[in-house]
Amino acid sequence: MEFNFLLNLIDSQKEREAVLKYVRGIDQKRALLSRLLAQHVCSTVLGARPVIERTAGRKPFVANRPQDSPHRNINFNVSHEGD
């Protein structure tokens, strides 16, 4: 129940599908948490809700950075390997 609520906080259908591709529940939760953390941090830094997309190499980036933002680019990564 809570998992689905949190999953629906992710705007991108592709990102939601990527979370659900993990077989083990714990891996789905890690993937979900990493996306929510990235979304929250980017939102806090930019002062606006970010649209996070991925490069061909699957690296995340903010696609809608405000023009007046002092941040030219935001590079980030969240690893959720291991226990």
PDB file of N, CA and C in Angstrom:
ATOM      1  N   MET A   1       0.828  -1.185   0.000  1.00  0.00           N
ATOM      2  CA  MET A   1       0.000   0.000   0.000  1.00  0.00           C
ATOM      3  C   MET A   1       0.875   1.253   0.000  1.00  0.00           C
ATOM      4  N   GLU A   2       1.781   1.376   0.995  1.00  0.00           N
ATOM      5  CA  GLU A   2       2.658   2.535   1.066  1.00  0.00           C
ATOM      6  C   GLU A   2       3.614   2.564  -0.115  1.00  0.00           C
ATOM      7  N   PHE A   3       4.072   1.380  -0.545  1.00  0.00           N
ATOM      8  CA  PHE A   3       4.982   1.295  -1.679  1.00  0.00           C
ATOM      9  C   PHE A   3       4.327   1.905  -2.913  1.00  0.00           C
ATOM     10  N   ASN A   4       3.090   1.546  -3.187  1.00  0.00           N
ATOM     11  CA  ASN A   4       2.398   2.077  -4.361  1.00  0.00           C
ATOM     12  C   ASN A   4       2.173   3.579  -4.259  1.00  0.00           C
ATOM     13  N   PHE A   5       1.886   4.060  -3.070  1.00  0.00           N
ATOM     14  CA  PHE A   5       1.736   5.507  -2.874  1.00  0.00           C
ATOM     15  C   PHE A   5       3.037   6.217  -3.227  1.00  0.00           C
ATOM     16  N   LEU A   6       4.152   5.704  -2.691  1.00  0.00           N
ATOM     17  CA  LEU A   6       5.444   6.315  -2.957  1.00  0.00           C
ATOM     18  C   LEU A   6       5.838   6.174  -4.429  1.00  0.00           C
ATOM     19  N   LEU A   7       5.540   5.039  -5.016  1.00  0.00           N
ATOM     20  CA  LEU A   7       5.850   4.822  -6.435  1.00  0.00           C
ATOM     21  C   LEU A   7       5.147   5.865  -7.300  1.00  0.00           C
ATOM     22  N   ASN A   8       3.944   6.208  -6.948  1.00  0.00           N
ATOM     23  CA  ASN A   8       3.179   7.183  -7.731  1.00  0.00           C
ATOM     24  C   ASN A   8       3.665   8.623  -7.546  1.00  0.00           C
ATOM     25  N   LEU A   9       4.597   8.844  -6.620  1.00  0.00           N
ATOM     26  CA  LEU A   9       5.204  10.159  -6.479  1.00  0.00           C
ATOM     27  C   LEU A   9       6.243  10.421  -7.566  1.00  0.00           C
ATOM     28  N   ILE A  10       6.653   9.376  -8.253  1.00  0.00           N
ATOM     29  CA  ILE A  10       7.597   9.507  -9.357  1.00  0.00           C
ATOM     30  C   ILE A  10       6.805   9.872 -10.605  1.00  0.00           C
ATOM     31  N   ASP A  11       7.166  10.994 -11.229  1.00  0.00           N
ATOM     32  CA  ASP A  11       6.416  11.498 -12.380  1.00  0.00           C
ATOM     33  C   ASP A  11       6.556  10.630 -13.631  1.00  0.00           C
ATOM     34  N   SER A  12       7.724  10.108 -13.858  1.00  0.00           N
ATOM     35  CA  SER A  12       8.019   9.398 -15.104  1.00  0.00           C
ATOM     36  C   SER A  12       7.519   7.951 -15.080  1.00  0.00           C
ATOM     37  N   GLN A  13       6.710   7.617 -16.043  1.00  0.00           N
ATOM     38  CA  GLN A  13       6.225   6.238 -16.180  1.00  0.00           C
ATOM     39  C   GLN A  13       7.401   5.283 -16.400  1.00  0.00           C
ATOM     40  N   LYS A  14       8.379   5.701 -17.189  1.00  0.00           N
ATOM     41  CA  LYS A  14       9.556   4.851 -17.446  1.00  0.00           C
ATOM     42  C   LYS A  14      10.307   4.553 -16.158  1.00  0.00           C
ATOM     43  N   GLU A  15      10.432   5.565 -15.300  1.00  0.00           N
ATOM     44  CA  GLU A  15      11.135   5.360 -14.038  1.00  0.00           C
ATOM     45  C   GLU A  15      10.346   4.436 -13.108  1.00  0.00           C
ATOM     46  N   ARG A  16       9.030   4.572 -13.103  1.00  0.00           N
ATOM     47  CA  ARG A  16       8.199   3.664 -12.290  1.00  0.00           C
ATOM     48  C   ARG A  16       8.351   2.227 -12.790  1.00  0.00           C
ATOM     49  N   GLU A  17       8.343   2.059 -14.104  1.00  0.00           N
ATOM     50  CA  GLU A  17       8.510   0.723 -14.688  1.00  0.00           C
ATOM     51  C   GLU A  17       9.884   0.149 -14.367  1.00  0.00           C
ATOM     52  N   ALA A  18      10.910   1.007 -14.378  1.00  0.00           N
ATOM     53  CA  ALA A  18      12.263   0.549 -14.058  1.00  0.00           C
ATOM     54  C   ALA A  18      12.342   0.029 -12.631  1.00  0.00           C
ATOM     55  N   VAL A  19      11.646   0.693 -11.709  1.00  0.00           N
ATOM     56  CA  VAL A  19      11.619   0.244 -10.315  1.00  0.00           C
ATOM     57  C   VAL A  19      10.981  -1.145 -10.232  1.00  0.00           C
ATOM     58  N   LEU A  20       9.904  -1.338 -10.947  1.00  0.00           N
ATOM     59  CA  LEU A  20       9.153  -2.596 -10.870  1.00  0.00           C
ATOM     60  C   LEU A  20       9.825  -3.754 -11.597  1.00  0.00           C
ATOM     61  N   LYS A  21      10.844  -3.477 -12.400  1.00  0.00           N
ATOM     62  CA  LYS A  21      11.556  -4.550 -13.107  1.00  0.00           C
ATOM     63  C   LYS A  21      12.409  -5.389 -12.160  1.00  0.00           C
ATOM     64  N   TYR A  22      12.737  -4.823 -11.012  1.00  0.00           N
ATOM     65  CA  TYR A  22      13.505  -5.604 -10.044  1.00  0.00           C
ATOM     66  C   TYR A  22      12.630  -6.727  -9.510  1.00  0.00           C
ATOM     67  N   VAL A  23      13.212  -7.902  -9.379  1.00  0.00           N
ATOM     68  CA  VAL A  23      12.456  -9.080  -8.961  1.00  0.00           C
ATOM     69  C   VAL A  23      12.226  -9.094  -7.449  1.00  0.00           C
ATOM     70  N   ARG A  24      13.283  -8.840  -6.703  1.00  0.00           N
ATOM     71  CA  ARG A  24      13.178  -8.885  -5.248  1.00  0.00           C
ATOM     72  C   ARG A  24      12.579  -7.586  -4.716  1.00  0.00           C
ATOM     73  N   GLY A  25      11.709  -7.717  -3.747  1.00  0.00           N
ATOM     74  CA  GLY A  25      11.059  -6.565  -3.143  1.00  0.00           C
ATOM     75  C   GLY A  25      12.040  -5.568  -2.556  1.00  0.00           C
ATOM     76  N   ILE A  26      13.095  -6.062  -1.913  1.00  0.00           N
ATOM     77  CA  ILE A  26      14.077  -5.165  -1.309  1.00  0.00           C
ATOM     78  C   ILE A  26      14.773  -4.335  -2.381  1.00  0.00           C
ATOM     79  N   ASP A  27      15.023  -4.918  -3.537  1.00  0.00           N
ATOM     80  CA  ASP A  27      15.663  -4.181  -4.629  1.00  0.00           C
ATOM     81  C   ASP A  27      14.713  -3.138  -5.213  1.00  0.00           C
ATOM     82  N   GLN A  28      13.434  -3.455  -5.281  1.00  0.00           N
ATOM     83  CA  GLN A  28      12.444  -2.473  -5.732  1.00  0.00           C
ATOM     84  C   GLN A  28      12.408  -1.287  -4.770  1.00  0.00           C
ATOM     85  N   LYS A  29      12.457  -1.584  -3.479  1.00  0.00           N
ATOM     86  CA  LYS A  29      12.426  -0.514  -2.475  1.00  0.00           C
ATOM     87  C   LYS A  29      13.668   0.367  -2.569  1.00  0.00           C
ATOM     88  N   ARG A  30      14.827  -0.241  -2.781  1.00  0.00           N
ATOM     89  CA  ARG A  30      16.062   0.539  -2.928  1.00  0.00           C
ATOM     90  C   ARG A  30      15.996   1.432  -4.167  1.00  0.00           C
ATOM     91  N   ALA A  31      15.529   0.870  -5.266  1.00  0.00           N
ATOM     92  CA  ALA A  31      15.424   1.647  -6.509  1.00  0.00           C
ATOM     93  C   ALA A  31      14.435   2.797  -6.334  1.00  0.00           C
ATOM     94  N   LEU A  32      13.323   2.524  -5.676  1.00  0.00           N
ATOM     95  CA  LEU A  32      12.322   3.559  -5.427  1.00  0.00           C
ATOM     96  C   LEU A  32      12.902   4.659  -4.545  1.00  0.00           C
ATOM     97  N   LEU A  33      13.552   4.275  -3.468  1.00  0.00           N
ATOM     98  CA  LEU A  33      14.130   5.261  -2.550  1.00  0.00           C
ATOM     99  C   LEU A  33      15.178   6.113  -3.258  1.00  0.00           C
ATOM    100  N   SER A  34      16.009   5.501  -4.092  1.00  0.00           N
ATOM    101  CA  SER A  34      17.047   6.280  -4.777  1.00  0.00           C
ATOM    102  C   SER A  34      16.425   7.314  -5.709  1.00  0.00           C
ATOM    103  N   ARG A  35      15.348   6.971  -6.384  1.00  0.00           N
ATOM    104  CA  ARG A  35      14.684   7.920  -7.287  1.00  0.00           C
ATOM    105  C   ARG A  35      13.991   9.045  -6.504  1.00  0.00           C
ATOM    106  N   LEU A  36      13.362   8.678  -5.388  1.00  0.00           N
ATOM    107  CA  LEU A  36      12.712   9.698  -4.571  1.00  0.00           C
ATOM    108  C   LEU A  36      13.733  10.647  -3.943  1.00  0.00           C
ATOM    109  N   LEU A  37      14.857  10.123  -3.500  1.00  0.00           N
ATOM    110  CA  LEU A  37      15.912  10.971  -2.942  1.00  0.00           C
ATOM    111  C   LEU A  37      16.457  11.932  -3.995  1.00  0.00           C
ATOM    112  N   ALA A  38      16.707  11.426  -5.184  1.00  0.00           N
ATOM    113  CA  ALA A  38      17.217  12.279  -6.264  1.00  0.00           C
ATOM    114  C   ALA A  38      16.205  13.373  -6.588  1.00  0.00           C
ATOM    115  N   GLN A  39      14.956  13.011  -6.664  1.00  0.00           N
ATOM    116  CA  GLN A  39      13.905  13.979  -6.969  1.00  0.00           C
ATOM    117  C   GLN A  39      13.819  15.052  -5.881  1.00  0.00           C
ATOM    118  N   HIS A  40      13.899  14.628  -4.631  1.00  0.00           N
ATOM    119  CA  HIS A  40      13.804  15.570  -3.506  1.00  0.00           C
ATOM    120  C   HIS A  40      15.000  16.522  -3.469  1.00  0.00           C
ATOM    121  N   VAL A  41      16.200  15.982  -3.599  1.00  0.00           N
ATOM    122  CA  VAL A  41      17.396  16.820  -3.540  1.00  0.00           C
ATOM    123  C   VAL A  41      17.418  17.811  -4.697  1.00  0.00           C
ATOM    124  N   CYS A  42      17.121  17.361  -5.900  1.00  0.00           N
ATOM    125  CA  CYS A  42      17.105  18.266  -7.053  1.00  0.00           C
ATOM    126  C   CYS A  42      16.033  19.340  -6.883  1.00  0.00           C
ATOM    127  N   SER A  43      14.908  18.968  -6.351  1.00  0.00           N
ATOM    128  CA  SER A  43      13.834  19.928  -6.104  1.00  0.00           C
ATOM    129  C   SER A  43      14.276  20.979  -5.089  1.00  0.00           C
ATOM    130  N   THR A  44      14.952  20.549  -4.041  1.00  0.00           N
ATOM    131  CA  THR A  44      15.431  21.464  -3.007  1.00  0.00           C
ATOM    132  C   THR A  44      16.473  22.429  -3.566  1.00  0.00           C
ATOM    133  N   VAL A  45      17.396  21.905  -4.344  1.00  0.00           N
ATOM    134  CA  VAL A  45      18.463  22.736  -4.911  1.00  0.00           C
ATOM    135  C   VAL A  45      17.912  23.736  -5.919  1.00  0.00           C
ATOM    136  N   LEU A  46      17.007  23.281  -6.775  1.00  0.00           N
ATOM    137  CA  LEU A  46      16.498  24.131  -7.852  1.00  0.00           C
ATOM    138  C   LEU A  46      15.329  25.018  -7.436  1.00  0.00           C
ATOM    139  N   GLY A  47      14.645  24.632  -6.376  1.00  0.00           N
ATOM    140  CA  GLY A  47      13.471  25.388  -5.959  1.00  0.00           C
ATOM    141  C   GLY A  47      12.273  25.145  -6.859  1.00  0.00           C
ATOM    142  N   ALA A  48      12.302  24.059  -7.612  1.00  0.00           N
ATOM    143  CA  ALA A  48      11.205  23.689  -8.512  1.00  0.00           C
ATOM    144  C   ALA A  48      11.210  22.175  -8.665  1.00  0.00           C
ATOM    145  N   ARG A  49      10.077  21.640  -9.047  1.00  0.00           N
ATOM    146  CA  ARG A  49       9.987  20.187  -9.239  1.00  0.00           C
ATOM    147  C   ARG A  49      10.784  19.787 -10.478  1.00  0.00           C
ATOM    148  N   PRO A  50      11.768  18.919 -10.325  1.00  0.00           N
ATOM    149  CA  PRO A  50      12.615  18.560 -11.464  1.00  0.00           C
ATOM    150  C   PRO A  50      11.984  17.497 -12.361  1.00  0.00           C
ATOM    151  N   VAL A  51      12.347  17.557 -13.614  1.00  0.00           N
ATOM    152  CA  VAL A  51      12.058  16.460 -14.539  1.00  0.00           C
ATOM    153  C   VAL A  51      13.390  15.749 -14.714  1.00  0.00           C
ATOM    154  N   ILE A  52      13.483  14.556 -14.173  1.00  0.00           N
ATOM    155  CA  ILE A  52      14.732  13.806 -14.241  1.00  0.00           C
ATOM    156  C   ILE A  52      14.622  12.798 -15.376  1.00  0.00           C
ATOM    157  N   GLU A  53      15.542  12.910 -16.311  1.00  0.00           N
ATOM    158  CA  GLU A  53      15.610  11.986 -17.440  1.00  0.00           C
ATOM    159  C   GLU A  53      16.949  11.280 -17.386  1.00  0.00           C
ATOM    160  N   ARG A  54      17.180  10.393 -18.330  1.00  0.00           N
ATOM    161  CA  ARG A  54      18.420   9.620 -18.335  1.00  0.00           C
ATOM    162  C   ARG A  54      19.092   9.704 -19.696  1.00  0.00           C
ATOM    163  N   THR A  55      20.435   9.700 -19.657  1.00  0.00           N
ATOM    164  CA  THR A  55      21.212   9.692 -20.882  1.00  0.00           C
ATOM    165  C   THR A  55      21.131   8.292 -21.502  1.00  0.00           C
ATOM    166  N   ALA A  56      21.715   8.151 -22.685  1.00  0.00           N
ATOM    167  CA  ALA A  56      21.762   6.829 -23.326  1.00  0.00           C
ATOM    168  C   ALA A  56      22.489   5.822 -22.441  1.00  0.00           C
ATOM    169  N   GLY A  57      23.422   6.313 -21.623  1.00  0.00           N
ATOM    170  CA  GLY A  57      24.153   5.453 -20.698  1.00  0.00           C
ATOM    171  C   GLY A  57      23.453   5.256 -19.364  1.00  0.00           C
ATOM    172  N   ARG A  58      22.202   5.715 -19.261  1.00  0.00           N
ATOM    173  CA  ARG A  58      21.332   5.565 -18.085  1.00  0.00           C
ATOM    174  C   ARG A  58      21.733   6.460 -16.913  1.00  0.00           C
ATOM    175  N   LYS A  59      22.544   7.492 -17.144  1.00  0.00           N
ATOM    176  CA  LYS A  59      22.896   8.430 -16.080  1.00  0.00           C
ATOM    177  C   LYS A  59      21.796   9.471 -15.961  1.00  0.00           C
ATOM    178  N   PRO A  60      21.349   9.747 -14.737  1.00  0.00           N
ATOM    179  CA  PRO A  60      20.263  10.717 -14.548  1.00  0.00           C
ATOM    180  C   PRO A  60      20.742  12.157 -14.736  1.00  0.00           C
ATOM    181  N   PHE A  61      19.834  13.002 -15.227  1.00  0.00           N
ATOM    182  CA  PHE A  61      20.107  14.431 -15.318  1.00  0.00           C
ATOM    183  C   PHE A  61      18.794  15.186 -15.216  1.00  0.00           C
ATOM    184  N   VAL A  62      18.884  16.447 -14.811  1.00  0.00           N
ATOM    185  CA  VAL A  62      17.698  17.292 -14.697  1.00  0.00           C
ATOM    186  C   VAL A  62      17.444  17.923 -16.059  1.00  0.00           C
ATOM    187  N   ALA A  63      16.306  17.617 -16.651  1.00  0.00           N
ATOM    188  CA  ALA A  63      15.990  18.075 -18.008  1.00  0.00           C
ATOM    189  C   ALA A  63      15.352  19.452 -18.042  1.00  0.00           C
ATOM    190  N   ASN A  64      14.857  19.927 -16.925  1.00  0.00           N
ATOM    191  CA  ASN A  64      14.136  21.209 -16.916  1.00  0.00           C
ATOM    192  C   ASN A  64      14.779  22.233 -15.972  1.00  0.00           C
ATOM    193  N   ARG A  65      16.099  22.301 -15.984  1.00  0.00           N
ATOM    194  CA  ARG A  65      16.799  23.248 -15.116  1.00  0.00           C
ATOM    195  C   ARG A  65      16.360  24.666 -15.462  1.00  0.00           C
ATOM    196  N   PRO A  66      15.910  25.442 -14.469  1.00  0.00           N
ATOM    197  CA  PRO A  66      15.497  26.820 -14.741  1.00  0.00           C
ATOM    198  C   PRO A  66      16.648  27.639 -15.326  1.00  0.00           C
ATOM    199  N   GLN A  67      16.352  28.496 -16.284  1.00  0.00           N
ATOM    200  CA  GLN A  67      17.373  29.311 -16.942  1.00  0.00           C
ATOM    201  C   GLN A  67      18.101  30.223 -15.960  1.00  0.00           C
ATOM    202  N   ASP A  68      17.398  30.693 -14.938  1.00  0.00           N
ATOM    203  CA  ASP A  68      18.014  31.605 -13.982  1.00  0.00           C
ATOM    204  C   ASP A  68      18.712  30.880 -12.824  1.00  0.00           C
ATOM    205  N   SER A  69      18.813  29.579 -12.915  1.00  0.00           N
ATOM    206  CA  SER A  69      19.454  28.803 -11.860  1.00  0.00           C
ATOM    207  C   SER A  69      20.955  29.071 -11.856  1.00  0.00           C
ATOM    208  N   PRO A  70      21.542  29.246 -10.669  1.00  0.00           N
ATOM    209  CA  PRO A  70      22.995  29.434 -10.599  1.00  0.00           C
ATOM    210  C   PRO A  70      23.753  28.136 -10.863  1.00  0.00           C
ATOM    211  N   HIS A  71      23.039  27.036 -10.958  1.00  0.00           N
ATOM    212  CA  HIS A  71      23.659  25.726 -11.167  1.00  0.00           C
ATOM    213  C   HIS A  71      23.631  25.391 -12.658  1.00  0.00           C
ATOM    214  N   ARG A  72      24.800  25.409 -13.268  1.00  0.00           N
ATOM    215  CA  ARG A  72      24.899  25.139 -14.701  1.00  0.00           C
ATOM    216  C   ARG A  72      24.469  23.706 -15.017  1.00  0.00           C
ATOM    217  N   ASN A  73      24.860  22.802 -14.162  1.00  0.00           N
ATOM    218  CA  ASN A  73      24.545  21.394 -14.360  1.00  0.00           C
ATOM    219  C   ASN A  73      24.543  20.722 -12.989  1.00  0.00           C
ATOM    220  N   ILE A  74      23.699  19.749 -12.836  1.00  0.00           N
ATOM    221  CA  ILE A  74      23.664  18.993 -11.587  1.00  0.00           C
ATOM    222  C   ILE A  74      23.986  17.545 -11.925  1.00  0.00           C
ATOM    223  N   ASN A  75      25.106  17.082 -11.451  1.00  0.00           N
ATOM    224  CA  ASN A  75      25.514  15.693 -11.654  1.00  0.00           C
ATOM    225  C   ASN A  75      25.307  14.941 -10.353  1.00  0.00           C
ATOM    226  N   PHE A  76      24.682  13.794 -10.435  1.00  0.00           N
ATOM    227  CA  PHE A  76      24.439  13.019  -9.227  1.00  0.00           C
ATOM    228  C   PHE A  76      24.287  11.557  -9.580  1.00  0.00           C
ATOM    229  N   ASN A  77      24.426  10.741  -8.575  1.00  0.00           N
ATOM    230  CA  ASN A  77      24.234   9.307  -8.731  1.00  0.00           C
ATOM    231  C   ASN A  77      23.907   8.758  -7.354  1.00  0.00           C
ATOM    232  N   VAL A  78      23.058   7.766  -7.316  1.00  0.00           N
ATOM    233  CA  VAL A  78      22.712   7.103  -6.059  1.00  0.00           C
ATOM    234  C   VAL A  78      22.948   5.612  -6.279  1.00  0.00           C
ATOM    235  N   SER A  79      23.806   5.040  -5.473  1.00  0.00           N
ATOM    236  CA  SER A  79      24.093   3.622  -5.579  1.00  0.00           C
ATOM    237  C   SER A  79      23.308   2.881  -4.509  1.00  0.00           C
ATOM    238  N   HIS A  80      22.741   1.749  -4.878  1.00  0.00           N
ATOM    239  CA  HIS A  80      21.998   0.956  -3.902  1.00  0.00           C
ATOM    240  C   HIS A  80      22.411  -0.510  -3.990  1.00  0.00           C
ATOM    241  N   GLU A  81      23.688  -0.739  -4.280  1.00  0.00           N
ATOM    242  CA  GLU A  81      24.191  -2.100  -4.345  1.00  0.00           C
ATOM    243  C   GLU A  81      24.499  -2.607  -2.949  1.00  0.00           C
ATOM    244  N   GLY A  82      24.347  -3.877  -2.775  1.00  0.00           N
ATOM    245  CA  GLY A  82      24.732  -4.508  -1.510  1.00  0.00           C
ATOM    246  C   GLY A  82      23.766  -4.208  -0.378  1.00  0.00           C
ATOM    247  N   ASP A  83      24.115  -4.708   0.766  1.00  0.00           N
ATOM    248  CA  ASP A  83      23.277  -4.517   1.955  1.00  0.00           C
ATOM    249  C   ASP A  83      23.841  -3.506   2.896  1.00  0.00           C
TER     250      ASP A  83
END
